[in-house]
Amino acid sequence: MSRTLSNFLSINIISVIFLPGVIVHELSHLFMAAIMFVPVGRMEFMPKKENNKLRLGSVEIAKTDPFRRAIIGFAPVVVGLAIIIGSVYFFSHNTSFLQSENYYIFIAVSLILMYLLFVISNTMFSSSRDMEGTAEILIILVIIFTLAYALGFRFPFFYFDRIFTKQTVGLIQKSELFLLAPILIDVAMLATIRALKGKDGY
């Protein structure tokens, strides 16, 4: 989405639109690197075009082992999902209160939530550079689980019943519904851009 918009909007406008998501993304790398005791360097939140690619932000991570690198690279996905589910939980449990207090506040909160879902969902995914070393980790995990299965070890699936309770499943379902909003916005924007490009003869 950001790469597509960069063909029509200035980098400064894109920076303003996606800034909250970029901050969350880069801080996720930063905090996870700190937890993993991996040194970090310069951090940027301004978009830059490099080789026809748009980079919304960056944080310098020191070289480390593939395991910690993969965890640091995957951190924005975990944090993004946590923010989305947390926002949906807050909104769904306060909908009646917001509507009864002031309808305009309810509309404002709804719009803020949709914007938050839009920018977080469009910036939470890790880039190919973020996921360097992940392939090696996945191969090792596949080998470990394959050997464990061959040796007769089985995962105790009854733990899933404790984790995925009725309330948890209901919250995940609500989150999926709320995520339809940014998906529909993305689809509508991409369709509009394609229509404009076709109309202009590009």
N, C-alpha and C. Protein backbone atom coordinates (compact mmCIF):
# COMPACT_ATOMS: atom_id res chain seq x y z
N MET A 1 0.82 -1.20 0.00
CA MET A 1 0.00 0.00 0.00
C MET A 1 0.86 1.26 0.00
N SER A 2 1.86 1.31 0.88
CA SER A 2 2.73 2.48 0.95
C SER A 2 3.51 2.66 -0.35
N ARG A 3 3.94 1.54 -0.95
CA ARG A 3 4.68 1.63 -2.21
C ARG A 3 3.79 2.15 -3.33
N THR A 4 2.53 1.72 -3.34
CA THR A 4 1.58 2.18 -4.36
C THR A 4 1.27 3.66 -4.17
N LEU A 5 1.05 4.08 -2.93
CA LEU A 5 0.74 5.48 -2.67
C LEU A 5 1.91 6.39 -2.98
N SER A 6 3.13 5.86 -2.91
CA SER A 6 4.31 6.69 -3.18
C SER A 6 4.37 7.16 -4.62
N ASN A 7 3.60 6.50 -5.50
CA ASN A 7 3.56 6.93 -6.90
C ASN A 7 2.66 8.13 -7.10
N PHE A 8 1.84 8.46 -6.08
CA PHE A 8 0.88 9.56 -6.22
C PHE A 8 1.03 10.63 -5.14
N LEU A 9 1.55 10.23 -3.99
CA LEU A 9 1.68 11.16 -2.88
C LEU A 9 3.15 11.40 -2.56
N SER A 10 3.41 12.55 -1.95
CA SER A 10 4.78 12.85 -1.54
C SER A 10 5.17 11.98 -0.35
N ILE A 11 6.47 11.82 -0.18
CA ILE A 11 6.97 11.02 0.93
C ILE A 11 6.56 11.61 2.27
N ASN A 12 6.49 12.95 2.34
CA ASN A 12 6.09 13.61 3.59
C ASN A 12 4.66 13.24 3.99
N ILE A 13 3.75 13.19 3.02
CA ILE A 13 2.36 12.83 3.31
C ILE A 13 2.28 11.38 3.75
N ILE A 14 3.01 10.50 3.05
CA ILE A 14 3.02 9.08 3.42
C ILE A 14 3.59 8.91 4.82
N SER A 15 4.60 9.71 5.15
CA SER A 15 5.19 9.64 6.47
C SER A 15 4.17 9.97 7.55
N VAL A 16 3.35 10.99 7.31
CA VAL A 16 2.33 11.38 8.28
C VAL A 16 1.26 10.30 8.41
N ILE A 17 0.85 9.72 7.29
CA ILE A 17 -0.22 8.72 7.31
C ILE A 17 0.19 7.48 8.09
N PHE A 18 1.39 6.99 7.82
CA PHE A 18 1.81 5.70 8.39
C PHE A 18 2.72 5.84 9.61
N LEU A 19 2.96 7.07 10.08
CA LEU A 19 3.91 7.29 11.17
C LEU A 19 3.61 6.46 12.42
N PRO A 20 2.37 6.41 12.92
CA PRO A 20 2.11 5.60 14.13
C PRO A 20 2.49 4.14 13.95
N GLY A 21 2.17 3.58 12.79
CA GLY A 21 2.51 2.19 12.53
C GLY A 21 4.00 1.97 12.40
N VAL A 22 4.70 2.93 11.78
CA VAL A 22 6.15 2.83 11.62
C VAL A 22 6.83 2.88 12.99
N ILE A 23 6.35 3.78 13.86
CA ILE A 23 6.92 3.88 15.20
C ILE A 23 6.75 2.57 15.96
N VAL A 24 5.55 1.99 15.90
CA VAL A 24 5.30 0.71 16.56
C VAL A 24 6.21 -0.37 15.99
N HIS A 25 6.35 -0.41 14.67
CA HIS A 25 7.17 -1.42 14.00
C HIS A 25 8.62 -1.35 14.46
N GLU A 26 9.20 -0.16 14.38
CA GLU A 26 10.63 -0.03 14.70
C GLU A 26 10.89 -0.19 16.20
N LEU A 27 9.98 0.33 17.03
CA LEU A 27 10.16 0.15 18.47
C LEU A 27 10.05 -1.32 18.87
N SER A 28 9.25 -2.08 18.13
CA SER A 28 9.14 -3.52 18.39
C SER A 28 10.49 -4.19 18.18
N HIS A 29 11.16 -3.84 17.07
CA HIS A 29 12.51 -4.35 16.83
C HIS A 29 13.45 -3.93 17.96
N LEU A 30 13.37 -2.65 18.34
CA LEU A 30 14.27 -2.09 19.33
C LEU A 30 14.12 -2.79 20.69
N PHE A 31 12.89 -2.90 21.17
CA PHE A 31 12.66 -3.50 22.48
C PHE A 31 13.00 -4.99 22.50
N MET A 32 12.68 -5.69 21.41
CA MET A 32 13.00 -7.11 21.36
C MET A 32 14.52 -7.31 21.31
N ALA A 33 15.21 -6.44 20.59
CA ALA A 33 16.68 -6.52 20.55
C ALA A 33 17.26 -6.29 21.94
N ALA A 34 16.66 -5.35 22.68
CA ALA A 34 17.13 -5.10 24.05
C ALA A 34 16.90 -6.31 24.93
N ILE A 35 15.74 -6.96 24.77
CA ILE A 35 15.44 -8.15 25.56
C ILE A 35 16.41 -9.28 25.22
N MET A 36 16.79 -9.36 23.94
CA MET A 36 17.72 -10.40 23.48
C MET A 36 19.19 -10.02 23.67
N PHE A 37 19.44 -8.84 24.29
CA PHE A 37 20.80 -8.35 24.53
C PHE A 37 21.59 -8.20 23.22
N VAL A 38 20.91 -7.68 22.21
CA VAL A 38 21.55 -7.41 20.92
C VAL A 38 21.67 -5.89 20.76
N PRO A 39 22.88 -5.36 20.54
CA PRO A 39 23.05 -3.91 20.40
C PRO A 39 22.29 -3.36 19.20
N VAL A 40 21.79 -2.14 19.35
CA VAL A 40 21.09 -1.45 18.26
C VAL A 40 21.79 -0.13 17.99
N GLY A 41 21.56 0.38 16.78
CA GLY A 41 22.17 1.64 16.40
C GLY A 41 21.13 2.69 16.07
N ARG A 42 21.34 3.36 14.97
CA ARG A 42 20.49 4.48 14.58
C ARG A 42 19.10 3.99 14.20
N MET A 43 18.08 4.78 14.58
CA MET A 43 16.71 4.45 14.24
C MET A 43 16.08 5.63 13.49
N GLU A 44 15.35 5.33 12.42
CA GLU A 44 14.72 6.37 11.60
C GLU A 44 13.24 6.04 11.41
N PHE A 45 12.43 7.10 11.36
CA PHE A 45 11.00 6.95 11.14
C PHE A 45 10.54 7.62 9.85
N MET A 46 11.48 8.14 9.07
CA MET A 46 11.13 8.84 7.83
C MET A 46 11.27 7.90 6.64
N PRO A 47 10.28 7.88 5.73
CA PRO A 47 10.35 7.01 4.55
C PRO A 47 11.47 7.44 3.60
N LYS A 48 12.05 6.45 2.94
CA LYS A 48 13.08 6.71 1.95
C LYS A 48 12.89 5.75 0.78
N LYS A 49 13.16 6.25 -0.43
CA LYS A 49 13.09 5.40 -1.61
C LYS A 49 14.48 4.88 -1.91
N GLU A 50 14.58 3.54 -2.02
CA GLU A 50 15.85 2.90 -2.32
C GLU A 50 15.64 1.83 -3.38
N ASN A 51 16.23 2.05 -4.55
CA ASN A 51 16.13 1.07 -5.65
C ASN A 51 14.67 0.74 -5.98
N ASN A 52 13.87 1.79 -6.17
CA ASN A 52 12.45 1.66 -6.50
C ASN A 52 11.63 1.00 -5.40
N LYS A 53 12.18 0.95 -4.20
CA LYS A 53 11.45 0.41 -3.06
C LYS A 53 11.32 1.49 -2.00
N LEU A 54 10.17 1.50 -1.33
CA LEU A 54 9.94 2.49 -0.29
C LEU A 54 10.17 1.87 1.08
N ARG A 55 11.09 2.44 1.84
CA ARG A 55 11.38 1.98 3.20
C ARG A 55 10.80 3.00 4.16
N LEU A 56 9.80 2.59 4.93
CA LEU A 56 9.10 3.52 5.80
C LEU A 56 9.92 3.90 7.03
N GLY A 57 10.77 3.01 7.49
CA GLY A 57 11.59 3.29 8.67
C GLY A 57 12.66 2.24 8.80
N SER A 58 13.54 2.42 9.77
CA SER A 58 14.61 1.44 9.95
C SER A 58 15.22 1.59 11.33
N VAL A 59 15.83 0.51 11.80
CA VAL A 59 16.62 0.52 13.01
C VAL A 59 17.79 -0.43 12.80
N GLU A 60 18.98 0.03 13.12
CA GLU A 60 20.18 -0.77 12.91
C GLU A 60 20.32 -1.81 14.02
N ILE A 61 20.41 -3.08 13.62
CA ILE A 61 20.55 -4.19 14.56
C ILE A 61 21.92 -4.83 14.34
N ALA A 62 22.65 -5.02 15.41
CA ALA A 62 23.97 -5.64 15.29
C ALA A 62 23.85 -7.09 14.85
N LYS A 63 24.90 -7.62 14.25
CA LYS A 63 24.89 -9.01 13.82
C LYS A 63 24.80 -9.93 15.02
N THR A 64 23.96 -10.94 14.88
CA THR A 64 23.78 -11.89 15.97
C THR A 64 23.45 -13.25 15.39
N ASP A 65 23.15 -14.21 16.24
CA ASP A 65 22.85 -15.55 15.76
C ASP A 65 21.48 -15.56 15.09
N PRO A 66 21.23 -16.52 14.17
CA PRO A 66 19.96 -16.57 13.43
C PRO A 66 18.73 -16.65 14.32
N PHE A 67 18.84 -17.31 15.47
CA PHE A 67 17.67 -17.47 16.35
C PHE A 67 17.21 -16.12 16.88
N ARG A 68 18.13 -15.34 17.45
CA ARG A 68 17.75 -14.03 17.98
C ARG A 68 17.37 -13.07 16.86
N ARG A 69 18.04 -13.19 15.72
CA ARG A 69 17.71 -12.33 14.58
C ARG A 69 16.28 -12.58 14.11
N ALA A 70 15.87 -13.84 14.08
CA ALA A 70 14.52 -14.18 13.64
C ALA A 70 13.48 -13.64 14.62
N ILE A 71 13.76 -13.76 15.92
CA ILE A 71 12.82 -13.26 16.93
C ILE A 71 12.68 -11.75 16.84
N ILE A 72 13.80 -11.06 16.68
CA ILE A 72 13.77 -9.60 16.55
C ILE A 72 13.03 -9.19 15.28
N GLY A 73 13.28 -9.91 14.19
CA GLY A 73 12.62 -9.58 12.93
C GLY A 73 11.12 -9.81 12.96
N PHE A 74 10.68 -10.82 13.73
CA PHE A 74 9.26 -11.17 13.78
C PHE A 74 8.49 -10.37 14.83
N ALA A 75 9.19 -9.59 15.65
CA ALA A 75 8.57 -8.87 16.75
C ALA A 75 7.42 -7.95 16.34
N PRO A 76 7.53 -7.17 15.24
CA PRO A 76 6.42 -6.28 14.87
C PRO A 76 5.11 -7.02 14.60
N VAL A 77 5.19 -8.25 14.10
CA VAL A 77 3.97 -9.01 13.84
C VAL A 77 3.27 -9.33 15.16
N VAL A 78 4.03 -9.78 16.14
CA VAL A 78 3.47 -10.12 17.45
C VAL A 78 2.89 -8.89 18.13
N VAL A 79 3.66 -7.79 18.12
CA VAL A 79 3.20 -6.55 18.76
C VAL A 79 1.99 -5.99 18.02
N GLY A 80 2.02 -6.04 16.69
CA GLY A 80 0.89 -5.54 15.90
C GLY A 80 -0.39 -6.31 16.20
N LEU A 81 -0.30 -7.62 16.25
CA LEU A 81 -1.47 -8.44 16.58
C LEU A 81 -1.96 -8.14 18.00
N ALA A 82 -1.03 -7.94 18.93
CA ALA A 82 -1.41 -7.63 20.31
C ALA A 82 -2.16 -6.30 20.38
N ILE A 83 -1.69 -5.30 19.64
CA ILE A 83 -2.36 -3.99 19.63
C ILE A 83 -3.74 -4.10 19.00
N ILE A 84 -3.84 -4.84 17.90
CA ILE A 84 -5.12 -5.00 17.23
C ILE A 84 -6.13 -5.69 18.14
N ILE A 85 -5.73 -6.82 18.72
CA ILE A 85 -6.63 -7.57 19.60
C ILE A 85 -6.97 -6.76 20.84
N GLY A 86 -5.97 -6.05 21.40
CA GLY A 86 -6.23 -5.22 22.56
C GLY A 86 -7.19 -4.08 22.26
N SER A 87 -7.04 -3.46 21.09
CA SER A 87 -7.93 -2.36 20.70
C SER A 87 -9.36 -2.87 20.50
N VAL A 88 -9.48 -4.02 19.86
CA VAL A 88 -10.80 -4.60 19.64
C VAL A 88 -11.45 -4.98 20.98
N TYR A 89 -10.66 -5.50 21.90
CA TYR A 89 -11.17 -5.87 23.23
C TYR A 89 -11.68 -4.63 23.95
N PHE A 90 -10.90 -3.54 23.93
CA PHE A 90 -11.32 -2.31 24.58
C PHE A 90 -12.59 -1.75 23.96
N PHE A 91 -12.63 -1.73 22.63
CA PHE A 91 -13.78 -1.14 21.94
C PHE A 91 -15.04 -1.97 22.16
N SER A 92 -14.93 -3.29 22.02
CA SER A 92 -16.10 -4.15 22.14
C SER A 92 -16.67 -4.15 23.55
N HIS A 93 -15.81 -3.94 24.56
CA HIS A 93 -16.28 -3.95 25.94
C HIS A 93 -16.74 -2.56 26.42
N ASN A 94 -16.57 -1.56 25.58
CA ASN A 94 -17.00 -0.21 25.95
C ASN A 94 -17.95 0.41 24.94
N THR A 95 -18.44 -0.39 24.00
CA THR A 95 -19.32 0.13 22.96
C THR A 95 -20.59 0.75 23.55
N SER A 96 -21.25 0.01 24.41
CA SER A 96 -22.50 0.50 25.01
C SER A 96 -22.26 1.77 25.82
N PHE A 97 -21.17 1.80 26.56
CA PHE A 97 -20.85 2.99 27.38
C PHE A 97 -20.61 4.21 26.49
N LEU A 98 -19.83 4.03 25.41
CA LEU A 98 -19.53 5.14 24.52
C LEU A 98 -20.79 5.66 23.82
N GLN A 99 -21.66 4.75 23.42
CA GLN A 99 -22.89 5.16 22.75
C GLN A 99 -23.82 5.90 23.70
N SER A 100 -23.89 5.45 24.94
CA SER A 100 -24.78 6.09 25.92
C SER A 100 -24.25 7.44 26.39
N GLU A 101 -22.93 7.60 26.46
CA GLU A 101 -22.36 8.85 26.92
C GLU A 101 -22.49 9.96 25.88
N ASN A 102 -21.98 9.69 24.71
CA ASN A 102 -22.01 10.70 23.65
C ASN A 102 -21.80 10.01 22.31
N TYR A 103 -22.78 10.16 21.42
CA TYR A 103 -22.71 9.45 20.14
C TYR A 103 -21.55 9.96 19.29
N TYR A 104 -21.24 11.25 19.41
CA TYR A 104 -20.13 11.81 18.62
C TYR A 104 -18.79 11.25 19.10
N ILE A 105 -18.68 11.04 20.41
CA ILE A 105 -17.46 10.42 20.93
C ILE A 105 -17.34 8.99 20.42
N PHE A 106 -18.48 8.30 20.35
CA PHE A 106 -18.48 6.93 19.82
C PHE A 106 -18.00 6.91 18.37
N ILE A 107 -18.48 7.85 17.57
CA ILE A 107 -18.05 7.92 16.16
C ILE A 107 -16.56 8.25 16.08
N ALA A 108 -16.10 9.19 16.92
CA ALA A 108 -14.69 9.57 16.91
C ALA A 108 -13.80 8.39 17.29
N VAL A 109 -14.19 7.66 18.33
CA VAL A 109 -13.41 6.49 18.76
C VAL A 109 -13.41 5.43 17.67
N SER A 110 -14.54 5.25 17.00
CA SER A 110 -14.63 4.26 15.92
C SER A 110 -13.70 4.62 14.77
N LEU A 111 -13.66 5.91 14.41
CA LEU A 111 -12.78 6.35 13.32
C LEU A 111 -11.30 6.19 13.71
N ILE A 112 -10.99 6.52 14.97
CA ILE A 112 -9.61 6.36 15.45
C ILE A 112 -9.21 4.89 15.42
N LEU A 113 -10.13 4.03 15.82
CA LEU A 113 -9.84 2.59 15.80
C LEU A 113 -9.62 2.10 14.37
N MET A 114 -10.44 2.55 13.42
CA MET A 114 -10.28 2.13 12.03
C MET A 114 -8.94 2.62 11.49
N TYR A 115 -8.57 3.86 11.83
CA TYR A 115 -7.27 4.38 11.38
C TYR A 115 -6.12 3.59 11.99
N LEU A 116 -6.25 3.28 13.28
CA LEU A 116 -5.21 2.50 13.96
C LEU A 116 -5.07 1.12 13.32
N LEU A 117 -6.19 0.46 13.05
CA LEU A 117 -6.14 -0.85 12.40
C LEU A 117 -5.52 -0.75 11.02
N PHE A 118 -5.81 0.33 10.31
CA PHE A 118 -5.29 0.53 8.95
C PHE A 118 -3.77 0.65 8.97
N VAL A 119 -3.24 1.55 9.82
CA VAL A 119 -1.80 1.79 9.80
C VAL A 119 -1.02 0.62 10.42
N ILE A 120 -1.56 0.01 11.47
CA ILE A 120 -0.87 -1.11 12.10
C ILE A 120 -0.84 -2.31 11.17
N SER A 121 -1.98 -2.63 10.55
CA SER A 121 -2.05 -3.80 9.67
C SER A 121 -1.20 -3.62 8.42
N ASN A 122 -0.96 -2.38 8.01
CA ASN A 122 -0.15 -2.13 6.81
C ASN A 122 1.33 -1.96 7.11
N THR A 123 1.70 -1.95 8.39
CA THR A 123 3.12 -1.77 8.73
C THR A 123 3.65 -2.86 9.67
N MET A 124 2.80 -3.78 10.10
CA MET A 124 3.23 -4.76 11.09
C MET A 124 4.07 -5.90 10.52
N PHE A 125 3.93 -6.17 9.22
CA PHE A 125 4.61 -7.32 8.65
C PHE A 125 6.10 -7.05 8.44
N SER A 126 6.89 -8.06 8.69
CA SER A 126 8.35 -7.92 8.61
C SER A 126 8.81 -7.98 7.17
N SER A 127 9.83 -7.19 6.87
CA SER A 127 10.41 -7.18 5.52
C SER A 127 11.35 -8.37 5.36
N SER A 128 11.80 -8.56 4.12
CA SER A 128 12.74 -9.66 3.86
C SER A 128 14.04 -9.46 4.63
N ARG A 129 14.43 -8.20 4.81
CA ARG A 129 15.65 -7.91 5.57
C ARG A 129 15.44 -8.24 7.05
N ASP A 130 14.23 -7.96 7.54
CA ASP A 130 13.93 -8.28 8.95
C ASP A 130 14.01 -9.77 9.22
N MET A 131 13.64 -10.57 8.23
CA MET A 131 13.53 -12.01 8.43
C MET A 131 14.76 -12.78 8.00
N GLU A 132 15.91 -12.09 7.90
CA GLU A 132 17.15 -12.78 7.57
C GLU A 132 17.47 -13.82 8.65
N GLY A 133 17.76 -15.02 8.23
CA GLY A 133 18.07 -16.09 9.16
C GLY A 133 16.87 -16.91 9.56
N THR A 134 15.66 -16.47 9.17
CA THR A 134 14.46 -17.20 9.56
C THR A 134 14.40 -18.57 8.88
N ALA A 135 14.87 -18.64 7.64
CA ALA A 135 14.83 -19.89 6.91
C ALA A 135 15.61 -20.98 7.64
N GLU A 136 16.77 -20.61 8.16
CA GLU A 136 17.57 -21.58 8.90
C GLU A 136 16.84 -22.06 10.15
N ILE A 137 16.20 -21.12 10.86
CA ILE A 137 15.45 -21.48 12.08
C ILE A 137 14.30 -22.42 11.75
N LEU A 138 13.58 -22.12 10.68
CA LEU A 138 12.44 -22.96 10.29
C LEU A 138 12.91 -24.37 9.95
N ILE A 139 14.03 -24.47 9.24
CA ILE A 139 14.57 -25.78 8.87
C ILE A 139 14.94 -26.57 10.13
N ILE A 140 15.59 -25.89 11.08
CA ILE A 140 15.97 -26.56 12.34
C ILE A 140 14.74 -27.02 13.10
N LEU A 141 13.70 -26.16 13.18
CA LEU A 141 12.48 -26.52 13.91
C LEU A 141 11.77 -27.70 13.25
N VAL A 142 11.74 -27.69 11.91
CA VAL A 142 11.11 -28.80 11.19
C VAL A 142 11.85 -30.11 11.48
N ILE A 143 13.17 -30.06 11.48
CA ILE A 143 13.98 -31.25 11.77
C ILE A 143 13.71 -31.74 13.20
N ILE A 144 13.68 -30.78 14.16
CA ILE A 144 13.45 -31.16 15.56
C ILE A 144 12.09 -31.81 15.75
N PHE A 145 11.03 -31.17 15.20
CA PHE A 145 9.68 -31.71 15.37
C PHE A 145 9.52 -33.04 14.63
N THR A 146 10.18 -33.17 13.47
CA THR A 146 10.11 -34.43 12.73
C THR A 146 10.76 -35.56 13.52
N LEU A 147 11.94 -35.29 14.08
CA LEU A 147 12.64 -36.30 14.89
C LEU A 147 11.83 -36.64 16.14
N ALA A 148 11.25 -35.61 16.78
CA ALA A 148 10.45 -35.84 17.98
C ALA A 148 9.24 -36.70 17.67
N TYR A 149 8.60 -36.42 16.53
CA TYR A 149 7.43 -37.20 16.13
C TYR A 149 7.84 -38.64 15.82
N ALA A 150 8.98 -38.80 15.14
CA ALA A 150 9.45 -40.14 14.79
C ALA A 150 9.81 -40.95 16.02
N LEU A 151 10.26 -40.26 17.07
CA LEU A 151 10.63 -40.94 18.32
C LEU A 151 9.43 -41.18 19.24
N GLY A 152 8.26 -40.73 18.81
CA GLY A 152 7.05 -41.01 19.57
C GLY A 152 6.58 -39.90 20.48
N PHE A 153 7.24 -38.74 20.44
CA PHE A 153 6.79 -37.63 21.29
C PHE A 153 5.57 -36.96 20.65
N ARG A 154 4.57 -36.66 21.47
CA ARG A 154 3.36 -35.99 20.99
C ARG A 154 3.07 -34.79 21.87
N PHE A 155 2.59 -33.73 21.22
CA PHE A 155 2.26 -32.52 21.96
C PHE A 155 0.94 -32.71 22.71
N PRO A 156 0.89 -32.35 23.99
CA PRO A 156 -0.37 -32.49 24.76
C PRO A 156 -1.39 -31.44 24.33
N PHE A 157 -2.29 -31.83 23.42
CA PHE A 157 -3.22 -30.87 22.84
C PHE A 157 -4.27 -30.36 23.84
N PHE A 158 -4.37 -31.00 25.01
CA PHE A 158 -5.37 -30.52 25.96
C PHE A 158 -5.05 -29.11 26.46
N TYR A 159 -3.79 -28.65 26.27
CA TYR A 159 -3.45 -27.29 26.65
C TYR A 159 -4.18 -26.27 25.79
N PHE A 160 -4.54 -26.66 24.57
CA PHE A 160 -5.25 -25.74 23.70
C PHE A 160 -6.59 -25.34 24.31
N ASP A 161 -7.23 -26.27 25.02
CA ASP A 161 -8.52 -25.97 25.64
C ASP A 161 -8.38 -24.89 26.71
N ARG A 162 -7.23 -24.84 27.35
CA ARG A 162 -6.99 -23.82 28.37
C ARG A 162 -6.64 -22.48 27.77
N ILE A 163 -5.97 -22.52 26.62
CA ILE A 163 -5.55 -21.28 25.97
C ILE A 163 -6.70 -20.68 25.17
N PHE A 164 -7.32 -21.51 24.32
CA PHE A 164 -8.39 -21.02 23.45
C PHE A 164 -9.74 -21.25 24.12
N THR A 165 -10.02 -20.44 25.12
CA THR A 165 -11.30 -20.51 25.80
C THR A 165 -12.38 -19.86 24.94
N LYS A 166 -13.61 -19.95 25.39
CA LYS A 166 -14.73 -19.36 24.65
C LYS A 166 -14.54 -17.86 24.50
N GLN A 167 -14.05 -17.21 25.56
CA GLN A 167 -13.83 -15.76 25.52
C GLN A 167 -12.71 -15.41 24.56
N THR A 168 -11.63 -16.22 24.57
CA THR A 168 -10.50 -15.96 23.68
C THR A 168 -10.90 -16.13 22.22
N VAL A 169 -11.62 -17.19 21.93
CA VAL A 169 -12.07 -17.43 20.55
C VAL A 169 -13.00 -16.32 20.10
N GLY A 170 -13.89 -15.87 20.99
CA GLY A 170 -14.80 -14.79 20.64
C GLY A 170 -14.05 -13.50 20.34
N LEU A 171 -12.99 -13.21 21.11
CA LEU A 171 -12.20 -12.01 20.88
C LEU A 171 -11.46 -12.11 19.55
N ILE A 172 -10.93 -13.29 19.23
CA ILE A 172 -10.24 -13.48 17.95
C ILE A 172 -11.21 -13.29 16.78
N GLN A 173 -12.43 -13.80 16.92
CA GLN A 173 -13.43 -13.64 15.87
C GLN A 173 -13.79 -12.17 15.67
N LYS A 174 -13.93 -11.43 16.77
CA LYS A 174 -14.22 -10.00 16.65
C LYS A 174 -13.06 -9.27 15.98
N SER A 175 -11.83 -9.67 16.33
CA SER A 175 -10.66 -9.05 15.72
C SER A 175 -10.64 -9.28 14.21
N GLU A 176 -11.02 -10.48 13.80
CA GLU A 176 -11.07 -10.79 12.37
C GLU A 176 -12.08 -9.91 11.66
N LEU A 177 -13.23 -9.68 12.30
CA LEU A 177 -14.25 -8.83 11.70
C LEU A 177 -13.76 -7.39 11.60
N PHE A 178 -13.11 -6.90 12.67
CA PHE A 178 -12.61 -5.53 12.65
C PHE A 178 -11.51 -5.36 11.61
N LEU A 179 -10.74 -6.41 11.36
CA LEU A 179 -9.68 -6.33 10.36
C LEU A 179 -10.22 -6.24 8.94
N LEU A 180 -11.50 -6.52 8.77
CA LEU A 180 -12.11 -6.34 7.46
C LEU A 180 -12.09 -4.87 7.05
N ALA A 181 -12.16 -3.97 8.03
CA ALA A 181 -12.17 -2.53 7.74
C ALA A 181 -10.91 -2.09 6.99
N PRO A 182 -9.69 -2.33 7.54
CA PRO A 182 -8.50 -1.92 6.78
C PRO A 182 -8.33 -2.68 5.47
N ILE A 183 -8.76 -3.94 5.44
CA ILE A 183 -8.67 -4.70 4.19
C ILE A 183 -9.55 -4.06 3.12
N LEU A 184 -10.79 -3.70 3.50
CA LEU A 184 -11.70 -3.04 2.55
C LEU A 184 -11.16 -1.69 2.12
N ILE A 185 -10.54 -0.96 3.06
CA ILE A 185 -9.94 0.33 2.71
C ILE A 185 -8.81 0.13 1.71
N ASP A 186 -7.96 -0.86 1.94
CA ASP A 186 -6.86 -1.15 1.01
C ASP A 186 -7.40 -1.50 -0.37
N VAL A 187 -8.40 -2.38 -0.41
CA VAL A 187 -8.97 -2.81 -1.68
C VAL A 187 -9.58 -1.62 -2.42
N ALA A 188 -10.32 -0.78 -1.69
CA ALA A 188 -10.97 0.38 -2.30
C ALA A 188 -9.93 1.36 -2.85
N MET A 189 -8.87 1.60 -2.08
CA MET A 189 -7.82 2.53 -2.52
C MET A 189 -7.08 2.00 -3.74
N LEU A 190 -6.75 0.70 -3.70
CA LEU A 190 -6.05 0.10 -4.85
C LEU A 190 -6.92 0.10 -6.09
N ALA A 191 -8.22 -0.18 -5.93
CA ALA A 191 -9.15 -0.16 -7.07
C ALA A 191 -9.28 1.25 -7.64
N THR A 192 -9.35 2.25 -6.76
CA THR A 192 -9.44 3.64 -7.21
C THR A 192 -8.19 4.06 -7.96
N ILE A 193 -7.02 3.70 -7.42
CA ILE A 193 -5.76 4.04 -8.07
C ILE A 193 -5.65 3.37 -9.44
N ARG A 194 -6.05 2.10 -9.52
CA ARG A 194 -6.01 1.38 -10.79
C ARG A 194 -6.95 2.01 -11.80
N ALA A 195 -8.15 2.45 -11.33
CA ALA A 195 -9.11 3.08 -12.22
C ALA A 195 -8.58 4.41 -12.74
N LEU A 196 -7.95 5.19 -11.86
CA LEU A 196 -7.38 6.46 -12.27
C LEU A 196 -6.23 6.28 -13.24
N LYS A 197 -5.40 5.27 -12.99
CA LYS A 197 -4.29 4.99 -13.90
C LYS A 197 -4.80 4.56 -15.26
N GLY A 198 -5.85 3.76 -15.28
CA GLY A 198 -6.43 3.32 -16.55
C GLY A 198 -7.08 4.48 -17.30
N LYS A 199 -7.70 5.39 -16.54
CA LYS A 199 -8.35 6.54 -17.15
C LYS A 199 -7.36 7.49 -17.75
N ASP A 200 -6.19 7.62 -17.10
CA ASP A 200 -5.14 8.52 -17.60
C ASP A 200 -4.29 7.87 -18.70
N GLY A 201 -4.53 6.57 -18.94
CA GLY A 201 -3.80 5.89 -20.00
C GLY A 201 -2.44 5.38 -19.60
N TYR A 202 -2.21 5.17 -18.30
CA TYR A 202 -0.93 4.64 -17.83
C TYR A 202 -0.94 3.14 -17.87
